[in-house]
Amino acid sequence: MMGTKTLHRLWLEDEARIVSFHPMEGWRLLDFLDHGHFMGFLQDLQQKGYRFQ
C-alpha cells in the first residue's frame, strides 16, 4: 500500500484571521493532499478576510 504525501501545509490563527505558510507555534496546522482543495481553501479564507504572511 502506498502512503500519502502532504503537498501543502499552512498554519492558521483564527482569532486574528492570519494564515502563515511557515511554522507558527500555537497556531492550528492544516495539511492538504490535493492542490485544488488547498487553493479553494485559500480562496475561501481570503473571502472571509484572512491575511496571508
Protein backbone atom coordinates (compact mmCIF):
# COMPACT_ATOMS: atom_id res chain seq x y z
CA MET A 1 0.00 0.00 0.00
CA MET A 2 1.35 3.43 -0.94
CA GLY A 3 1.50 6.19 1.65
CA THR A 4 0.05 9.62 1.11
CA LYS A 5 2.28 12.64 0.85
CA THR A 6 1.34 16.11 2.06
CA LEU A 7 1.56 18.58 -0.82
CA HIS A 8 0.75 21.76 1.09
CA ARG A 9 0.50 22.89 4.67
CA LEU A 10 -0.45 26.08 6.42
CA TRP A 11 -0.89 27.41 9.92
CA LEU A 12 -3.99 29.34 10.98
CA GLU A 13 -4.54 31.87 13.73
CA ASP A 14 -8.32 32.11 13.63
CA GLU A 15 -8.81 34.86 16.21
CA ALA A 16 -6.58 37.32 14.33
CA ARG A 17 -7.53 35.83 10.92
CA ILE A 18 -3.96 35.23 9.78
CA VAL A 19 -2.61 32.44 7.56
CA SER A 20 1.08 31.54 7.58
CA PHE A 21 2.98 29.25 5.21
CA HIS A 22 5.75 28.91 7.81
CA PRO A 23 5.56 27.05 11.15
CA MET A 24 3.97 29.12 13.91
CA GLU A 25 3.95 27.84 17.47
CA GLY A 26 0.47 27.57 18.95
CA TRP A 27 -1.30 28.01 15.61
CA ARG A 28 -3.53 25.36 14.03
CA LEU A 29 -1.70 23.26 11.41
CA LEU A 30 -3.60 22.09 8.33
CA ASP A 31 -2.19 19.64 5.75
CA PHE A 32 -3.55 19.22 2.23
CA LEU A 33 -3.03 16.27 -0.09
CA ASP A 34 -4.76 17.86 -3.09
CA HIS A 35 -3.64 21.11 -4.76
CA GLY A 36 -7.16 22.03 -5.90
CA HIS A 37 -8.58 21.64 -2.40
CA PHE A 38 -5.71 23.73 -1.00
CA MET A 39 -6.31 26.56 -3.49
CA GLY A 40 -10.07 26.52 -2.87
CA PHE A 41 -9.47 26.69 0.88
CA LEU A 42 -7.14 29.69 0.45
CA GLN A 43 -9.73 31.47 -1.68
CA ASP A 44 -12.37 30.83 0.99
CA LEU A 45 -10.09 32.25 3.69
CA GLN A 46 -9.37 35.32 1.57
CA GLN A 47 -13.09 35.93 1.10
CA LYS A 48 -13.52 35.68 4.89
CA GLY A 49 -10.94 38.44 5.40
CA TYR A 50 -7.90 36.39 6.44
CA ARG A 51 -4.49 37.96 5.91
CA PHE A 52 -1.58 35.96 4.50
CA GLN A 53 2.03 36.04 5.61
